Amino acid sequence: MRGHSNISGEDWRRDAIFIAISIVVIVATIIILVRSGLASARYESPKYPLYLVISELIYLVQLSLIGLRLSIIFNRGGMGYRVGTTELIKIAAAQTFTSLLVPGFYIGGEAISIAYLTFKGLPTTRATEGIVLRYTVDTITLTSIIIILYLLSLVVVPYIALIMALILLIAYVVLFIAIVSARLGKYIERLFRFINSRVNFASNFILINEGEVYGLKLSLIDYLVIFIISIIQWILSGLNVMLIFYAFGVRIGMLTGILISSSYIVLTYVSILPGSAGIGGELANLYVLNSLGLGNYYLVYDVWFRVITYIIPLIILMPAFLSISRKLTMINTNHRTSGR
């Protein structure tokens, strides 16, 4: 799994290359869009930079909410394994950092979370169940918000974002049912057993307990709380966007901020570059802003959106990633040493 050896020089060179490529592609895409006339070239310095600072702090609060949801899932889900909330927040930070280094937005860091939870003693299948459930709840909440905004005609929802939201909602509702019914856990266990039988060193990283009972035993109140916290997170994400506009003296409503944030994420679920750089992320922002009549602010928004959600998080979240990757590297080294 990714993350076991990221502390090595070779992996750091690779990660540095990923970051450099992403930043170059982001800058190049913005320049091409502006020079071609497809995007506004209007740029100005922030009038109220304090809003940008608050926006970054809100971004970090969202990570804490991810850790809080994971705490409910793992500590109240009837798994029989306990993980501290603070540690789960650190896991969420390390997972987000890793996701920024690999293709996709919010996708990719799950492997390091699952690996670390396995290192802490959770069966790999149970760790996978919990991480996937959190991601599934977020996707259902996110896509439902877009659909509700469309049905209630509260804001103008871009059609491509609406179509993507419908597709993702159906897919993740099915996945949610599979998790709750314990089917997903059984499928994952079969997959891990197959990997263990085919790959000799896989057993160093995959822990399977015999007779494990899958499915999560969360109460209706627990599920309600998880979804409420997820809703709060996406509201904060919309507030984050709103404050970026406020920093330049542009007043947009909270619902508009939520729509911009939600639409961007559903449009960049699949990306070939880290951080959804270039064609995915920059075009998604341009499309959404143009659809909402905010195209004139594309350049200032996209630049600072990238700073707050990509550049600064790579710096701030690195310690959490290093802490977890060191432990994973140590256990990996011990396994190889003991096997000689």
C-alpha atoms as a PDB file:
ATOM      1  CA  MET A   1       0.000   0.000   0.000  1.00  0.00           C
ATOM      2  CA  ARG A   2       1.110   3.538  -0.679  1.00  0.00           C
ATOM      3  CA  GLY A   3       2.697   5.245   2.296  1.00  0.00           C
ATOM      4  CA  HIS A   4       4.842   2.358   3.612  1.00  0.00           C
ATOM      5  CA  SER A   5       8.028   3.738   2.131  1.00  0.00           C
ATOM      6  CA  ASN A   6       7.252   7.347   1.249  1.00  0.00           C
ATOM      7  CA  ILE A   7       9.978   8.528   3.588  1.00  0.00           C
ATOM      8  CA  SER A   8      12.711   7.194   1.291  1.00  0.00           C
ATOM      9  CA  GLY A   9      14.650   9.556  -0.939  1.00  0.00           C
ATOM     10  CA  GLU A  10      13.291   7.998  -4.094  1.00  0.00           C
ATOM     11  CA  ASP A  11       9.679   8.449  -3.012  1.00  0.00           C
ATOM     12  CA  TRP A  12      10.278  12.032  -1.915  1.00  0.00           C
ATOM     13  CA  ARG A  13      11.746  12.820  -5.319  1.00  0.00           C
ATOM     14  CA  ARG A  14       8.675  11.296  -6.911  1.00  0.00           C
ATOM     15  CA  ASP A  15       6.325  13.275  -4.663  1.00  0.00           C
ATOM     16  CA  ALA A  16       8.251  16.488  -5.348  1.00  0.00           C
ATOM     17  CA  ILE A  17       7.910  15.803  -9.076  1.00  0.00           C
ATOM     18  CA  PHE A  18       4.143  15.219  -8.658  1.00  0.00           C
ATOM     19  CA  ILE A  19       3.760  18.556  -6.856  1.00  0.00           C
ATOM     20  CA  ALA A  20       5.924  20.419  -9.364  1.00  0.00           C
ATOM     21  CA  ILE A  21       4.034  18.955 -12.325  1.00  0.00           C
ATOM     22  CA  SER A  22       0.682  19.840 -10.759  1.00  0.00           C
ATOM     23  CA  ILE A  23       1.673  23.435 -10.065  1.00  0.00           C
ATOM     24  CA  VAL A  24       3.128  23.861 -13.558  1.00  0.00           C
ATOM     25  CA  VAL A  25      -0.013  22.387 -15.136  1.00  0.00           C
ATOM     26  CA  ILE A  26      -2.266  24.615 -13.003  1.00  0.00           C
ATOM     27  CA  VAL A  27      -0.313  27.739 -13.986  1.00  0.00           C
ATOM     28  CA  ALA A  28      -0.061  26.704 -17.646  1.00  0.00           C
ATOM     29  CA  THR A  29      -3.803  25.951 -17.856  1.00  0.00           C
ATOM     30  CA  ILE A  30      -4.700  29.315 -16.309  1.00  0.00           C
ATOM     31  CA  ILE A  31      -2.389  31.128 -18.741  1.00  0.00           C
ATOM     32  CA  ILE A  32      -3.823  29.269 -21.739  1.00  0.00           C
ATOM     33  CA  LEU A  33      -7.414  29.971 -20.670  1.00  0.00           C
ATOM     34  CA  VAL A  34      -6.659  33.666 -20.115  1.00  0.00           C
ATOM     35  CA  ARG A  35      -4.598  34.138 -23.305  1.00  0.00           C
ATOM     36  CA  SER A  36      -7.241  32.370 -25.397  1.00  0.00           C
ATOM     37  CA  GLY A  37      -9.944  34.660 -24.058  1.00  0.00           C
ATOM     38  CA  LEU A  38     -11.937  31.805 -22.523  1.00  0.00           C
ATOM     39  CA  ALA A  39     -11.268  33.113 -19.002  1.00  0.00           C
ATOM     40  CA  SER A  40     -11.130  36.618 -17.591  1.00  0.00           C
ATOM     41  CA  ALA A  41      -7.653  38.089 -17.130  1.00  0.00           C
ATOM     42  CA  ARG A  42      -8.869  40.348 -14.348  1.00  0.00           C
ATOM     43  CA  TYR A  43      -6.696  40.121 -11.257  1.00  0.00           C
ATOM     44  CA  GLU A  44      -6.296  42.300  -8.195  1.00  0.00           C
ATOM     45  CA  SER A  45      -4.676  41.991  -4.790  1.00  0.00           C
ATOM     46  CA  PRO A  46      -6.898  40.870  -1.907  1.00  0.00           C
ATOM     47  CA  LYS A  47      -8.657  43.847  -0.308  1.00  0.00           C
ATOM     48  CA  TYR A  48      -9.399  41.966   2.890  1.00  0.00           C
ATOM     49  CA  PRO A  49      -6.664  39.320   3.328  1.00  0.00           C
ATOM     50  CA  LEU A  50      -7.989  38.348   6.776  1.00  0.00           C
ATOM     51  CA  TYR A  51     -10.820  36.506   5.009  1.00  0.00           C
ATOM     52  CA  LEU A  52      -8.226  34.295   3.322  1.00  0.00           C
ATOM     53  CA  VAL A  53      -6.701  33.419   6.692  1.00  0.00           C
ATOM     54  CA  ILE A  54     -10.137  32.542   8.075  1.00  0.00           C
ATOM     55  CA  SER A  55     -10.824  30.474   4.961  1.00  0.00           C
ATOM     56  CA  GLU A  56      -7.667  28.424   5.569  1.00  0.00           C
ATOM     57  CA  LEU A  57      -8.642  27.859   9.207  1.00  0.00           C
ATOM     58  CA  ILE A  58     -12.069  26.637   8.090  1.00  0.00           C
ATOM     59  CA  TYR A  59     -10.350  24.202   5.739  1.00  0.00           C
ATOM     60  CA  LEU A  60      -8.488  22.738   8.730  1.00  0.00           C
ATOM     61  CA  VAL A  61     -11.703  22.541  10.778  1.00  0.00           C
ATOM     62  CA  GLN A  62     -13.170  20.381   8.025  1.00  0.00           C
ATOM     63  CA  LEU A  63     -10.349  17.878   8.562  1.00  0.00           C
ATOM     64  CA  SER A  64     -11.236  17.720  12.257  1.00  0.00           C
ATOM     65  CA  LEU A  65     -14.821  16.886  11.315  1.00  0.00           C
ATOM     66  CA  ILE A  66     -13.562  13.998   9.180  1.00  0.00           C
ATOM     67  CA  GLY A  67     -11.677  12.646  12.196  1.00  0.00           C
ATOM     68  CA  LEU A  68     -14.787  13.065  14.366  1.00  0.00           C
ATOM     69  CA  ARG A  69     -16.895  11.028  11.928  1.00  0.00           C
ATOM     70  CA  LEU A  70     -14.246   8.330  11.791  1.00  0.00           C
ATOM     71  CA  SER A  71     -14.306   8.229  15.590  1.00  0.00           C
ATOM     72  CA  ILE A  72     -18.046   7.528  15.591  1.00  0.00           C
ATOM     73  CA  ILE A  73     -17.661   4.860  12.903  1.00  0.00           C
ATOM     74  CA  PHE A  74     -14.780   2.965  14.511  1.00  0.00           C
ATOM     75  CA  ASN A  75     -15.633   3.447  18.176  1.00  0.00           C
ATOM     76  CA  ARG A  76     -19.411   3.048  18.002  1.00  0.00           C
ATOM     77  CA  GLY A  77     -19.712   0.709  15.026  1.00  0.00           C
ATOM     78  CA  GLY A  78     -19.445  -2.512  17.014  1.00  0.00           C
ATOM     79  CA  MET A  79     -16.062  -3.463  15.566  1.00  0.00           C
ATOM     80  CA  GLY A  80     -14.518  -4.150  18.971  1.00  0.00           C
ATOM     81  CA  TYR A  81     -11.487  -1.950  18.230  1.00  0.00           C
ATOM     82  CA  ARG A  82     -10.964   1.546  19.607  1.00  0.00           C
ATOM     83  CA  VAL A  83      -8.951   4.374  18.097  1.00  0.00           C
ATOM     84  CA  GLY A  84      -8.561   7.786  19.735  1.00  0.00           C
ATOM     85  CA  THR A  85     -10.321  10.744  18.115  1.00  0.00           C
ATOM     86  CA  THR A  86      -7.126  12.821  18.073  1.00  0.00           C
ATOM     87  CA  GLU A  87      -5.309  10.020  16.294  1.00  0.00           C
ATOM     88  CA  LEU A  88      -8.119   9.727  13.753  1.00  0.00           C
ATOM     89  CA  ILE A  89      -7.889  13.469  13.069  1.00  0.00           C
ATOM     90  CA  LYS A  90      -4.172  12.981  12.396  1.00  0.00           C
ATOM     91  CA  ILE A  91      -5.053  10.094  10.091  1.00  0.00           C
ATOM     92  CA  ALA A  92      -7.502  12.362   8.244  1.00  0.00           C
ATOM     93  CA  ALA A  93      -4.751  14.981   7.849  1.00  0.00           C
ATOM     94  CA  ALA A  94      -2.252  12.416   6.530  1.00  0.00           C
ATOM     95  CA  GLN A  95      -4.889  10.968   4.194  1.00  0.00           C
ATOM     96  CA  THR A  96      -5.683  14.408   2.775  1.00  0.00           C
ATOM     97  CA  PHE A  97      -1.980  15.161   2.287  1.00  0.00           C
ATOM     98  CA  THR A  98      -1.542  11.879   0.388  1.00  0.00           C
ATOM     99  CA  SER A  99      -4.642  12.567  -1.718  1.00  0.00           C
ATOM    100  CA  LEU A 100      -3.065  15.855  -2.803  1.00  0.00           C
ATOM    101  CA  LEU A 101      -0.028  13.927  -4.066  1.00  0.00           C
ATOM    102  CA  VAL A 102      -1.835  11.334  -6.161  1.00  0.00           C
ATOM    103  CA  PRO A 103      -4.387  11.685  -8.983  1.00  0.00           C
ATOM    104  CA  GLY A 104      -7.908  12.593  -7.965  1.00  0.00           C
ATOM    105  CA  PHE A 105      -9.501  14.918  -5.445  1.00  0.00           C
ATOM    106  CA  TYR A 106     -10.227  13.369  -2.041  1.00  0.00           C
ATOM    107  CA  ILE A 107      -9.291  10.004  -3.586  1.00  0.00           C
ATOM    108  CA  GLY A 108      -5.982   8.233  -3.051  1.00  0.00           C
ATOM    109  CA  GLY A 109      -5.143   8.835   0.589  1.00  0.00           C
ATOM    110  CA  GLU A 110      -7.434   6.074   1.833  1.00  0.00           C
ATOM    111  CA  ALA A 111      -4.639   3.520   1.414  1.00  0.00           C
ATOM    112  CA  ILE A 112      -2.406   5.190   3.993  1.00  0.00           C
ATOM    113  CA  SER A 113      -5.319   5.414   6.459  1.00  0.00           C
ATOM    114  CA  ILE A 114      -6.145   1.735   6.027  1.00  0.00           C
ATOM    115  CA  ALA A 115      -2.475   0.770   6.330  1.00  0.00           C
ATOM    116  CA  TYR A 116      -2.069   2.757   9.551  1.00  0.00           C
ATOM    117  CA  LEU A 117      -5.250   1.359  11.112  1.00  0.00           C
ATOM    118  CA  THR A 118      -4.003  -2.136  10.242  1.00  0.00           C
ATOM    119  CA  PHE A 119      -0.718  -1.235  11.932  1.00  0.00           C
ATOM    120  CA  LYS A 120      -2.764  -0.256  15.015  1.00  0.00           C
ATOM    121  CA  GLY A 121      -4.298  -3.741  15.105  1.00  0.00           C
ATOM    122  CA  LEU A 122      -7.566  -3.405  13.173  1.00  0.00           C
ATOM    123  CA  PRO A 123      -8.237  -6.121  10.596  1.00  0.00           C
ATOM    124  CA  THR A 124      -7.598  -4.602   7.181  1.00  0.00           C
ATOM    125  CA  THR A 125     -11.125  -5.392   6.026  1.00  0.00           C
ATOM    126  CA  ARG A 126     -12.701  -3.589   9.008  1.00  0.00           C
ATOM    127  CA  ALA A 127     -10.427  -0.593   8.487  1.00  0.00           C
ATOM    128  CA  THR A 128     -11.450  -0.518   4.828  1.00  0.00           C
ATOM    129  CA  GLU A 129     -15.143  -0.739   5.757  1.00  0.00           C
ATOM    130  CA  GLY A 130     -14.875   2.254   8.073  1.00  0.00           C
ATOM    131  CA  ILE A 131     -12.871   4.445   5.695  1.00  0.00           C
ATOM    132  CA  VAL A 132     -15.151   3.631   2.755  1.00  0.00           C
ATOM    133  CA  LEU A 133     -18.268   4.339   4.837  1.00  0.00           C
ATOM    134  CA  ARG A 134     -16.983   7.817   5.725  1.00  0.00           C
ATOM    135  CA  TYR A 135     -16.207   8.543   2.085  1.00  0.00           C
ATOM    136  CA  THR A 136     -19.604   7.144   1.035  1.00  0.00           C
ATOM    137  CA  VAL A 137     -21.512   9.312   3.519  1.00  0.00           C
ATOM    138  CA  ASP A 138     -19.652  12.389   2.272  1.00  0.00           C
ATOM    139  CA  THR A 139     -20.470  11.615  -1.350  1.00  0.00           C
ATOM    140  CA  ILE A 140     -24.148  10.984  -0.642  1.00  0.00           C
ATOM    141  CA  THR A 141     -24.366  14.241   1.329  1.00  0.00           C
ATOM    142  CA  LEU A 142     -22.477  16.241  -1.278  1.00  0.00           C
ATOM    143  CA  THR A 143     -24.491  15.020  -4.258  1.00  0.00           C
ATOM    144  CA  SER A 144     -27.787  15.344  -2.359  1.00  0.00           C
ATOM    145  CA  ILE A 145     -26.994  18.998  -1.647  1.00  0.00           C
ATOM    146  CA  ILE A 146     -26.561  19.710  -5.370  1.00  0.00           C
ATOM    147  CA  ILE A 147     -29.776  17.906  -6.279  1.00  0.00           C
ATOM    148  CA  ILE A 148     -31.761  19.673  -3.529  1.00  0.00           C
ATOM    149  CA  LEU A 149     -30.436  23.059  -4.634  1.00  0.00           C
ATOM    150  CA  TYR A 150     -31.612  22.225  -8.169  1.00  0.00           C
ATOM    151  CA  LEU A 151     -35.054  20.906  -7.153  1.00  0.00           C
ATOM    152  CA  LEU A 152     -35.760  23.920  -4.941  1.00  0.00           C
ATOM    153  CA  SER A 153     -34.372  26.324  -7.577  1.00  0.00           C
ATOM    154  CA  LEU A 154     -32.381  28.085  -4.868  1.00  0.00           C
ATOM    155  CA  VAL A 155     -29.443  28.722  -7.211  1.00  0.00           C
ATOM    156  CA  VAL A 156     -28.646  27.984 -10.848  1.00  0.00           C
ATOM    157  CA  VAL A 157     -27.086  24.509 -10.862  1.00  0.00           C
ATOM    158  CA  PRO A 158     -24.742  23.759 -13.807  1.00  0.00           C
ATOM    159  CA  TYR A 159     -26.225  20.847 -15.779  1.00  0.00           C
ATOM    160  CA  ILE A 160     -23.031  18.817 -16.032  1.00  0.00           C
ATOM    161  CA  ALA A 161     -22.596  19.058 -12.256  1.00  0.00           C
ATOM    162  CA  LEU A 162     -26.210  17.950 -11.779  1.00  0.00           C
ATOM    163  CA  ILE A 163     -25.766  14.924 -14.055  1.00  0.00           C
ATOM    164  CA  MET A 164     -22.555  13.906 -12.278  1.00  0.00           C
ATOM    165  CA  ALA A 165     -24.273  14.323  -8.913  1.00  0.00           C
ATOM    166  CA  LEU A 166     -27.129  12.019  -9.961  1.00  0.00           C
ATOM    167  CA  ILE A 167     -24.732   9.340 -11.206  1.00  0.00           C
ATOM    168  CA  LEU A 168     -22.554   9.477  -8.097  1.00  0.00           C
ATOM    169  CA  LEU A 169     -25.569   9.513  -5.757  1.00  0.00           C
ATOM    170  CA  ILE A 170     -26.979   6.310  -7.246  1.00  0.00           C
ATOM    171  CA  ALA A 171     -23.592   4.585  -7.161  1.00  0.00           C
ATOM    172  CA  TYR A 172     -22.836   5.520  -3.564  1.00  0.00           C
ATOM    173  CA  VAL A 173     -26.302   4.735  -2.237  1.00  0.00           C
ATOM    174  CA  VAL A 174     -25.764   1.211  -3.559  1.00  0.00           C
ATOM    175  CA  LEU A 175     -22.335   1.155  -1.893  1.00  0.00           C
ATOM    176  CA  PHE A 176     -23.838   2.409   1.379  1.00  0.00           C
ATOM    177  CA  ILE A 177     -26.388  -0.412   1.342  1.00  0.00           C
ATOM    178  CA  ALA A 178     -23.605  -2.913   0.654  1.00  0.00           C
ATOM    179  CA  ILE A 179     -21.654  -1.654   3.683  1.00  0.00           C
ATOM    180  CA  VAL A 180     -24.604  -1.662   6.076  1.00  0.00           C
ATOM    181  CA  SER A 181     -25.707  -5.118   4.921  1.00  0.00           C
ATOM    182  CA  ALA A 182     -22.151  -6.450   5.481  1.00  0.00           C
ATOM    183  CA  ARG A 183     -21.820  -7.545   1.857  1.00  0.00           C
ATOM    184  CA  LEU A 184     -18.958  -5.159   1.153  1.00  0.00           C
ATOM    185  CA  GLY A 185     -16.916  -6.496   4.073  1.00  0.00           C
ATOM    186  CA  LYS A 186     -17.279 -10.055   2.826  1.00  0.00           C
ATOM    187  CA  TYR A 187     -16.280  -9.056  -0.707  1.00  0.00           C
ATOM    188  CA  ILE A 188     -13.242  -7.164   0.572  1.00  0.00           C
ATOM    189  CA  GLU A 189     -12.169 -10.104   2.737  1.00  0.00           C
ATOM    190  CA  ARG A 190     -12.316 -12.442  -0.263  1.00  0.00           C
ATOM    191  CA  LEU A 191     -10.227  -9.972  -2.261  1.00  0.00           C
ATOM    192  CA  PHE A 192      -7.603  -9.664   0.494  1.00  0.00           C
ATOM    193  CA  ARG A 193      -7.445 -13.440   0.922  1.00  0.00           C
ATOM    194  CA  PHE A 194      -6.866 -13.777  -2.813  1.00  0.00           C
ATOM    195  CA  ILE A 195      -4.094 -11.160  -2.698  1.00  0.00           C
ATOM    196  CA  ASN A 196      -2.460 -12.920   0.265  1.00  0.00           C
ATOM    197  CA  SER A 197      -2.510 -16.221  -1.608  1.00  0.00           C
ATOM    198  CA  ARG A 198      -0.886 -14.706  -4.701  1.00  0.00           C
ATOM    199  CA  VAL A 199       1.530 -12.138  -3.280  1.00  0.00           C
ATOM    200  CA  ASN A 200       3.980 -13.471  -0.695  1.00  0.00           C
ATOM    201  CA  PHE A 201       4.768 -10.224   1.139  1.00  0.00           C
ATOM    202  CA  ALA A 202       1.126  -9.012   1.155  1.00  0.00           C
ATOM    203  CA  SER A 203       0.516 -10.685   4.526  1.00  0.00           C
ATOM    204  CA  ASN A 204       2.951  -8.145   6.038  1.00  0.00           C
ATOM    205  CA  PHE A 205       0.386  -5.433   5.350  1.00  0.00           C
ATOM    206  CA  ILE A 206      -2.978  -7.227   5.264  1.00  0.00           C
ATOM    207  CA  LEU A 207      -4.410  -8.483   8.555  1.00  0.00           C
ATOM    208  CA  ILE A 208      -7.413 -10.823   8.392  1.00  0.00           C
ATOM    209  CA  ASN A 209      -9.053 -12.214  11.524  1.00  0.00           C
ATOM    210  CA  GLU A 210     -10.830 -15.526  11.256  1.00  0.00           C
ATOM    211  CA  GLY A 211     -14.565 -15.428  11.953  1.00  0.00           C
ATOM    212  CA  GLU A 212     -14.809 -11.630  11.715  1.00  0.00           C
ATOM    213  CA  VAL A 213     -18.425 -10.416  11.582  1.00  0.00           C
ATOM    214  CA  TYR A 214     -18.792  -7.613   9.062  1.00  0.00           C
ATOM    215  CA  GLY A 215     -21.214  -4.740   8.799  1.00  0.00           C
ATOM    216  CA  LEU A 216     -21.427  -1.769  11.149  1.00  0.00           C
ATOM    217  CA  LYS A 217     -23.679  -1.837  14.190  1.00  0.00           C
ATOM    218  CA  LEU A 218     -24.336   1.871  14.355  1.00  0.00           C
ATOM    219  CA  SER A 219     -27.664   3.090  15.727  1.00  0.00           C
ATOM    220  CA  LEU A 220     -29.997   5.332  13.747  1.00  0.00           C
ATOM    221  CA  ILE A 221     -28.846   8.212  15.965  1.00  0.00           C
ATOM    222  CA  ASP A 222     -25.213   7.438  15.076  1.00  0.00           C
ATOM    223  CA  TYR A 223     -25.982   7.470  11.357  1.00  0.00           C
ATOM    224  CA  LEU A 224     -27.949  10.703  11.796  1.00  0.00           C
ATOM    225  CA  VAL A 225     -25.027  12.352  13.610  1.00  0.00           C
ATOM    226  CA  ILE A 226     -22.569  11.186  10.940  1.00  0.00           C
ATOM    227  CA  PHE A 227     -24.698  12.708   8.183  1.00  0.00           C
ATOM    228  CA  ILE A 228     -25.260  15.927  10.147  1.00  0.00           C
ATOM    229  CA  ILE A 229     -21.514  16.353  10.655  1.00  0.00           C
ATOM    230  CA  SER A 230     -21.006  15.695   6.936  1.00  0.00           C
ATOM    231  CA  ILE A 231     -23.578  18.380   6.112  1.00  0.00           C
ATOM    232  CA  ILE A 232     -21.761  20.808   8.414  1.00  0.00           C
ATOM    233  CA  GLN A 233     -18.491  20.009   6.657  1.00  0.00           C
ATOM    234  CA  TRP A 234     -19.898  20.830   3.220  1.00  0.00           C
ATOM    235  CA  ILE A 235     -21.517  24.002   4.547  1.00  0.00           C
ATOM    236  CA  LEU A 236     -18.090  25.011   5.845  1.00  0.00           C
ATOM    237  CA  SER A 237     -16.659  24.178   2.431  1.00  0.00           C
ATOM    238  CA  GLY A 238     -19.165  26.620   0.916  1.00  0.00           C
ATOM    239  CA  LEU A 239     -18.230  29.206   3.554  1.00  0.00           C
ATOM    240  CA  ASN A 240     -14.604  28.658   2.607  1.00  0.00           C
ATOM    241  CA  VAL A 241     -15.407  29.588  -1.017  1.00  0.00           C
ATOM    242  CA  MET A 242     -17.551  32.539   0.043  1.00  0.00           C
ATOM    243  CA  LEU A 243     -14.709  34.006   2.114  1.00  0.00           C
ATOM    244  CA  ILE A 244     -12.302  33.770  -0.827  1.00  0.00           C
ATOM    245  CA  PHE A 245     -14.674  36.007  -2.791  1.00  0.00           C
ATOM    246  CA  TYR A 246     -15.145  38.283   0.225  1.00  0.00           C
ATOM    247  CA  ALA A 247     -11.377  38.805   0.338  1.00  0.00           C
ATOM    248  CA  PHE A 248     -11.688  40.617  -2.999  1.00  0.00           C
ATOM    249  CA  GLY A 249     -14.772  42.595  -2.040  1.00  0.00           C
ATOM    250  CA  VAL A 250     -17.142  40.326  -3.994  1.00  0.00           C
ATOM    251  CA  ARG A 251     -20.280  39.424  -2.048  1.00  0.00           C
ATOM    252  CA  ILE A 252     -21.823  36.070  -2.869  1.00  0.00           C
ATOM    253  CA  GLY A 253     -24.405  34.127  -0.878  1.00  0.00           C
ATOM    254  CA  MET A 254     -23.718  31.057   1.209  1.00  0.00           C
ATOM    255  CA  LEU A 255     -25.767  28.848  -1.129  1.00  0.00           C
ATOM    256  CA  THR A 256     -23.687  30.040  -4.078  1.00  0.00           C
ATOM    257  CA  GLY A 257     -20.500  29.207  -2.183  1.00  0.00           C
ATOM    258  CA  ILE A 258     -21.821  25.737  -1.349  1.00  0.00           C
ATOM    259  CA  LEU A 259     -22.790  25.153  -4.977  1.00  0.00           C
ATOM    260  CA  ILE A 260     -19.381  26.262  -6.278  1.00  0.00           C
ATOM    261  CA  SER A 261     -17.583  23.983  -3.830  1.00  0.00           C
ATOM    262  CA  SER A 262     -19.893  20.985  -4.368  1.00  0.00           C
ATOM    263  CA  SER A 263     -19.939  21.290  -8.149  1.00  0.00           C
ATOM    264  CA  TYR A 264     -16.162  21.495  -8.293  1.00  0.00           C
ATOM    265  CA  ILE A 265     -15.769  18.295  -6.291  1.00  0.00           C
ATOM    266  CA  VAL A 266     -18.268  16.199  -8.265  1.00  0.00           C
ATOM    267  CA  LEU A 267     -16.686  17.398 -11.516  1.00  0.00           C
ATOM    268  CA  THR A 268     -13.184  16.423 -10.374  1.00  0.00           C
ATOM    269  CA  TYR A 269     -13.839  13.005  -8.831  1.00  0.00           C
ATOM    270  CA  VAL A 270     -11.670  11.435 -11.508  1.00  0.00           C
ATOM    271  CA  SER A 271      -8.394  13.121 -12.423  1.00  0.00           C
ATOM    272  CA  ILE A 272      -5.154  12.038 -14.065  1.00  0.00           C
ATOM    273  CA  LEU A 273      -3.019  14.537 -12.123  1.00  0.00           C
ATOM    274  CA  PRO A 274      -2.541  15.231  -8.398  1.00  0.00           C
ATOM    275  CA  GLY A 275      -4.809  17.923  -7.010  1.00  0.00           C
ATOM    276  CA  SER A 276      -7.093  17.650 -10.066  1.00  0.00           C
ATOM    277  CA  ALA A 277      -4.670  20.000 -11.778  1.00  0.00           C
ATOM    278  CA  GLY A 278      -5.274  21.539 -15.161  1.00  0.00           C
ATOM    279  CA  ILE A 279      -8.067  20.346 -17.423  1.00  0.00           C
ATOM    280  CA  GLY A 280      -9.992  18.856 -14.506  1.00  0.00           C
ATOM    281  CA  GLY A 281      -9.771  21.490 -11.799  1.00  0.00           C
ATOM    282  CA  GLU A 282      -9.248  24.731 -13.688  1.00  0.00           C
ATOM    283  CA  LEU A 283     -11.893  23.995 -16.322  1.00  0.00           C
ATOM    284  CA  ALA A 284     -14.309  22.863 -13.609  1.00  0.00           C
ATOM    285  CA  ASN A 285     -13.906  26.182 -11.808  1.00  0.00           C
ATOM    286  CA  LEU A 286     -14.267  28.125 -15.062  1.00  0.00           C
ATOM    287  CA  TYR A 287     -17.389  26.202 -16.043  1.00  0.00           C
ATOM    288  CA  VAL A 288     -19.058  26.609 -12.659  1.00  0.00           C
ATOM    289  CA  LEU A 289     -18.227  30.309 -12.305  1.00  0.00           C
ATOM    290  CA  ASN A 290     -19.393  31.071 -15.853  1.00  0.00           C
ATOM    291  CA  SER A 291     -22.642  29.200 -15.175  1.00  0.00           C
ATOM    292  CA  LEU A 292     -23.230  31.412 -12.132  1.00  0.00           C
ATOM    293  CA  GLY A 293     -22.297  34.680 -13.859  1.00  0.00           C
ATOM    294  CA  LEU A 294     -19.046  34.972 -11.895  1.00  0.00           C
ATOM    295  CA  GLY A 295     -16.656  34.333 -14.789  1.00  0.00           C
ATOM    296  CA  ASN A 296     -15.027  37.763 -14.404  1.00  0.00           C
ATOM    297  CA  TYR A 297     -13.576  36.629 -11.106  1.00  0.00           C
ATOM    298  CA  TYR A 298     -12.198  33.331 -12.385  1.00  0.00           C
ATOM    299  CA  LEU A 299      -8.512  34.263 -12.221  1.00  0.00           C
ATOM    300  CA  VAL A 300      -8.481  35.700  -8.687  1.00  0.00           C
ATOM    301  CA  TYR A 301     -10.688  32.913  -7.370  1.00  0.00           C
ATOM    302  CA  ASP A 302      -8.833  30.005  -8.973  1.00  0.00           C
ATOM    303  CA  VAL A 303      -5.411  31.262  -7.874  1.00  0.00           C
ATOM    304  CA  TRP A 304      -6.409  31.683  -4.226  1.00  0.00           C
ATOM    305  CA  PHE A 305      -8.564  28.560  -4.200  1.00  0.00           C
ATOM    306  CA  ARG A 306      -5.422  26.631  -5.156  1.00  0.00           C
ATOM    307  CA  VAL A 307      -3.325  28.385  -2.522  1.00  0.00           C
ATOM    308  CA  ILE A 308      -5.809  27.633   0.268  1.00  0.00           C
ATOM    309  CA  THR A 309      -6.820  24.094  -0.690  1.00  0.00           C
ATOM    310  CA  TYR A 310      -3.603  22.814  -2.271  1.00  0.00           C
ATOM    311  CA  ILE A 311      -0.375  24.742  -1.662  1.00  0.00           C
ATOM    312  CA  ILE A 312      -0.778  25.603   2.032  1.00  0.00           C
ATOM    313  CA  PRO A 313      -2.273  22.202   3.009  1.00  0.00           C
ATOM    314  CA  LEU A 314       0.753  20.471   1.484  1.00  0.00           C
ATOM    315  CA  ILE A 315       2.876  22.413   3.989  1.00  0.00           C
ATOM    316  CA  ILE A 316       0.598  22.280   7.021  1.00  0.00           C
ATOM    317  CA  LEU A 317      -0.393  18.608   6.727  1.00  0.00           C
ATOM    318  CA  MET A 318       3.104  17.286   6.024  1.00  0.00           C
ATOM    319  CA  PRO A 319       4.016  16.649   9.720  1.00  0.00           C
ATOM    320  CA  ALA A 320       0.978  14.374  10.186  1.00  0.00           C
ATOM    321  CA  PHE A 321       1.879  12.487   7.039  1.00  0.00           C
ATOM    322  CA  LEU A 322       5.524  12.120   8.092  1.00  0.00           C
ATOM    323  CA  SER A 323       4.546  10.891  11.552  1.00  0.00           C
ATOM    324  CA  ILE A 324       2.301   8.157  10.178  1.00  0.00           C
ATOM    325  CA  SER A 325       4.562   7.202   7.270  1.00  0.00           C
ATOM    326  CA  ARG A 326       7.536   6.798   9.657  1.00  0.00           C
ATOM    327  CA  LYS A 327       5.596   4.286  11.731  1.00  0.00           C
ATOM    328  CA  LEU A 328       4.506   2.416   8.625  1.00  0.00           C
ATOM    329  CA  THR A 329       8.067   2.407   7.321  1.00  0.00           C
ATOM    330  CA  MET A 330       9.368   1.079  10.634  1.00  0.00           C
ATOM    331  CA  ILE A 331       6.875  -1.799  10.732  1.00  0.00           C
ATOM    332  CA  ASN A 332       7.651  -2.584   7.081  1.00  0.00           C
ATOM    333  CA  THR A 333      11.388  -2.661   7.868  1.00  0.00           C
ATOM    334  CA  ASN A 334      10.834  -4.916  10.886  1.00  0.00           C
ATOM    335  CA  HIS A 335       8.809  -7.342   8.782  1.00  0.00           C
ATOM    336  CA  ARG A 336      11.538  -7.567   6.159  1.00  0.00           C
ATOM    337  CA  THR A 337      14.255  -7.960   8.796  1.00  0.00           C
ATOM    338  CA  SER A 338      12.405 -10.715  10.640  1.00  0.00           C
ATOM    339  CA  GLY A 339      11.785 -12.534   7.387  1.00  0.00           C
ATOM    340  CA  ARG A 340      15.475 -12.919   6.599  1.00  0.00           C
END
